């Protein structure tokens, strides 16, 4: 039989069922309310979570909030992201990434200006 769902229950126990028929109605309800192995809560919002570390959670203004509020494009947003986190994540590598995205942005702007 194919495995159809795996989730962590409230005690952290991994629950796996090989058939939909194996689950009780309560277990089915619980399984259907899980996201990424964690129990889903209706007040959870993606913007309030950080996947893969906590290097942004220390800031008063999250980079993603700033990027969205200011309608920044991909290169601008990535430059903000990398320059914001460099001290707490990848150091000089993140500064180089920020510079790289700014170089791409500059090149694009210069190319657009030369076409006018």
C-alpha atoms as a PDB file:
ATOM      1  CA  UNK A   1       0.000   0.000   0.000  1.00  0.00           C
ATOM      2  CA  UNK A   2       1.091   3.578  -0.601  1.00  0.00           C
ATOM      3  CA  UNK A   3       1.841   5.828   2.345  1.00  0.00           C
ATOM      4  CA  UNK A   4      -0.680   8.656   2.221  1.00  0.00           C
ATOM      5  CA  UNK A   5       0.140  10.880   5.146  1.00  0.00           C
ATOM      6  CA  UNK A   6       2.676  11.433   7.890  1.00  0.00           C
ATOM      7  CA  UNK A   7       2.424  14.061  10.600  1.00  0.00           C
ATOM      8  CA  UNK A   8       3.506  14.821  14.163  1.00  0.00           C
ATOM      9  CA  UNK A   9       0.779  14.605  16.790  1.00  0.00           C
ATOM     10  CA  UNK A  10       0.588  16.958  19.790  1.00  0.00           C
ATOM     11  CA  UNK A  11       3.079  14.786  21.683  1.00  0.00           C
ATOM     12  CA  UNK A  12       5.589  14.839  18.832  1.00  0.00           C
ATOM     13  CA  UNK A  13       4.781  11.258  17.853  1.00  0.00           C
ATOM     14  CA  UNK A  14       5.040  10.535  14.129  1.00  0.00           C
ATOM     15  CA  UNK A  15       1.730   9.233  12.828  1.00  0.00           C
ATOM     16  CA  UNK A  16       1.694   7.434   9.467  1.00  0.00           C
ATOM     17  CA  UNK A  17      -1.175   5.730   7.701  1.00  0.00           C
ATOM     18  CA  UNK A  18      -0.929   3.429   4.694  1.00  0.00           C
ATOM     19  CA  UNK A  19      -4.564   3.801   3.744  1.00  0.00           C
ATOM     20  CA  UNK A  20      -7.232   6.376   4.343  1.00  0.00           C
ATOM     21  CA  UNK A  21      -9.243   3.524   5.857  1.00  0.00           C
ATOM     22  CA  UNK A  22      -6.653   3.146   8.664  1.00  0.00           C
ATOM     23  CA  UNK A  23      -7.423   6.546  10.209  1.00  0.00           C
ATOM     24  CA  UNK A  24     -10.237   7.357  12.598  1.00  0.00           C
ATOM     25  CA  UNK A  25     -12.311  10.471  11.807  1.00  0.00           C
ATOM     26  CA  UNK A  26     -10.438  12.326  14.561  1.00  0.00           C
ATOM     27  CA  UNK A  27      -7.051  11.278  13.175  1.00  0.00           C
ATOM     28  CA  UNK A  28      -8.106  12.239   9.662  1.00  0.00           C
ATOM     29  CA  UNK A  29      -9.182  15.663  10.908  1.00  0.00           C
ATOM     30  CA  UNK A  30      -5.877  16.124  12.732  1.00  0.00           C
ATOM     31  CA  UNK A  31      -3.848  15.007   9.694  1.00  0.00           C
ATOM     32  CA  UNK A  32      -5.727  17.380   7.417  1.00  0.00           C
ATOM     33  CA  UNK A  33      -4.817  20.299   9.692  1.00  0.00           C
ATOM     34  CA  UNK A  34      -1.056  19.848   9.512  1.00  0.00           C
ATOM     35  CA  UNK A  35       1.413  21.959   7.589  1.00  0.00           C
ATOM     36  CA  UNK A  36       5.042  20.847   7.166  1.00  0.00           C
ATOM     37  CA  UNK A  37       4.607  18.315   9.984  1.00  0.00           C
ATOM     38  CA  UNK A  38       3.314  20.915  12.458  1.00  0.00           C
ATOM     39  CA  UNK A  39      -0.249  21.318  13.590  1.00  0.00           C
ATOM     40  CA  UNK A  40      -1.864  24.106  11.626  1.00  0.00           C
ATOM     41  CA  UNK A  41      -3.492  26.939  13.503  1.00  0.00           C
ATOM     42  CA  UNK A  42      -5.910  29.203  11.597  1.00  0.00           C
ATOM     43  CA  UNK A  43      -4.162  32.328  12.917  1.00  0.00           C
ATOM     44  CA  UNK A  44      -0.763  31.247  11.558  1.00  0.00           C
ATOM     45  CA  UNK A  45       0.452  33.496   8.751  1.00  0.00           C
ATOM     46  CA  UNK A  46       3.322  32.746   6.403  1.00  0.00           C
ATOM     47  CA  UNK A  47       4.732  36.251   6.891  1.00  0.00           C
ATOM     48  CA  UNK A  48       5.143  35.529  10.624  1.00  0.00           C
ATOM     49  CA  UNK A  49       7.360  32.471  10.051  1.00  0.00           C
ATOM     50  CA  UNK A  50      10.954  32.044   9.058  1.00  0.00           C
ATOM     51  CA  UNK A  51      12.055  28.763   7.580  1.00  0.00           C
ATOM     52  CA  UNK A  52      15.720  27.903   8.065  1.00  0.00           C
ATOM     53  CA  UNK A  53      17.061  29.986  10.920  1.00  0.00           C
ATOM     54  CA  UNK A  54      16.302  33.115  12.910  1.00  0.00           C
ATOM     55  CA  UNK A  55      18.639  35.649  11.318  1.00  0.00           C
ATOM     56  CA  UNK A  56      15.750  37.989  10.336  1.00  0.00           C
ATOM     57  CA  UNK A  57      13.679  37.712  13.510  1.00  0.00           C
ATOM     58  CA  UNK A  58      15.979  40.066  15.430  1.00  0.00           C
ATOM     59  CA  UNK A  59      15.049  43.085  13.280  1.00  0.00           C
ATOM     60  CA  UNK A  60      12.309  45.594  14.049  1.00  0.00           C
ATOM     61  CA  UNK A  61      11.397  45.701  10.353  1.00  0.00           C
ATOM     62  CA  UNK A  62      11.655  42.396   8.533  1.00  0.00           C
ATOM     63  CA  UNK A  63      13.363  42.655   5.134  1.00  0.00           C
ATOM     64  CA  UNK A  64      10.383  40.994   3.448  1.00  0.00           C
ATOM     65  CA  UNK A  65       8.002  43.564   4.978  1.00  0.00           C
ATOM     66  CA  UNK A  66      10.200  46.411   3.705  1.00  0.00           C
ATOM     67  CA  UNK A  67      10.545  44.831   0.252  1.00  0.00           C
ATOM     68  CA  UNK A  68       6.803  44.241  -0.160  1.00  0.00           C
ATOM     69  CA  UNK A  69       5.758  47.635   1.271  1.00  0.00           C
ATOM     70  CA  UNK A  70       8.096  49.443  -1.107  1.00  0.00           C
ATOM     71  CA  UNK A  71       7.290  47.242  -4.139  1.00  0.00           C
ATOM     72  CA  UNK A  72      10.953  46.507  -4.769  1.00  0.00           C
ATOM     73  CA  UNK A  73      11.919  44.314  -7.689  1.00  0.00           C
ATOM     74  CA  UNK A  74      13.904  41.067  -7.476  1.00  0.00           C
ATOM     75  CA  UNK A  75      17.386  42.620  -7.547  1.00  0.00           C
ATOM     76  CA  UNK A  76      16.526  45.407  -5.125  1.00  0.00           C
ATOM     77  CA  UNK A  77      14.844  42.985  -2.741  1.00  0.00           C
ATOM     78  CA  UNK A  78      17.726  40.542  -2.766  1.00  0.00           C
ATOM     79  CA  UNK A  79      20.238  43.324  -2.133  1.00  0.00           C
ATOM     80  CA  UNK A  80      18.189  44.431   0.905  1.00  0.00           C
ATOM     81  CA  UNK A  81      17.877  40.827   2.128  1.00  0.00           C
ATOM     82  CA  UNK A  82      21.586  40.064   1.899  1.00  0.00           C
ATOM     83  CA  UNK A  83      22.831  43.355   3.323  1.00  0.00           C
ATOM     84  CA  UNK A  84      20.410  43.028   6.233  1.00  0.00           C
ATOM     85  CA  UNK A  85      21.520  39.547   7.267  1.00  0.00           C
ATOM     86  CA  UNK A  86      25.255  39.578   6.545  1.00  0.00           C
ATOM     87  CA  UNK A  87      26.371  40.001  10.180  1.00  0.00           C
ATOM     88  CA  UNK A  88      24.183  37.158  11.416  1.00  0.00           C
ATOM     89  CA  UNK A  89      24.358  34.586   8.631  1.00  0.00           C
ATOM     90  CA  UNK A  90      27.040  34.333   5.943  1.00  0.00           C
ATOM     91  CA  UNK A  91      29.303  37.328   6.580  1.00  0.00           C
ATOM     92  CA  UNK A  92      31.306  38.622   3.619  1.00  0.00           C
ATOM     93  CA  UNK A  93      29.606  36.137   1.269  1.00  0.00           C
ATOM     94  CA  UNK A  94      26.270  37.914   1.830  1.00  0.00           C
ATOM     95  CA  UNK A  95      27.885  41.310   1.157  1.00  0.00           C
ATOM     96  CA  UNK A  96      29.218  39.919  -2.125  1.00  0.00           C
ATOM     97  CA  UNK A  97      25.748  38.626  -3.002  1.00  0.00           C
ATOM     98  CA  UNK A  98      24.221  42.044  -2.268  1.00  0.00           C
ATOM     99  CA  UNK A  99      26.850  43.702  -4.478  1.00  0.00           C
ATOM    100  CA  UNK A 100      26.166  41.144  -7.224  1.00  0.00           C
ATOM    101  CA  UNK A 101      22.440  41.975  -7.252  1.00  0.00           C
ATOM    102  CA  UNK A 102      23.234  45.708  -7.249  1.00  0.00           C
ATOM    103  CA  UNK A 103      25.583  45.183 -10.215  1.00  0.00           C
ATOM    104  CA  UNK A 104      22.800  43.364 -12.079  1.00  0.00           C
ATOM    105  CA  UNK A 105      20.405  46.215 -11.244  1.00  0.00           C
ATOM    106  CA  UNK A 106      22.911  48.862 -12.345  1.00  0.00           C
ATOM    107  CA  UNK A 107      23.628  47.058 -15.596  1.00  0.00           C
ATOM    108  CA  UNK A 108      19.921  46.754 -16.343  1.00  0.00           C
ATOM    109  CA  UNK A 109      19.310  50.454 -15.613  1.00  0.00           C
ATOM    110  CA  UNK A 110      22.287  51.518 -17.714  1.00  0.00           C
ATOM    111  CA  UNK A 111      21.110  49.332 -20.602  1.00  0.00           C
ATOM    112  CA  UNK A 112      17.582  50.779 -20.389  1.00  0.00           C
ATOM    113  CA  UNK A 113      19.008  54.326 -20.357  1.00  0.00           C
ATOM    114  CA  UNK A 114      21.169  53.625 -23.425  1.00  0.00           C
ATOM    115  CA  UNK A 115      18.100  52.554 -25.394  1.00  0.00           C
ATOM    116  CA  UNK A 116      16.393  55.920 -24.931  1.00  0.00           C
END
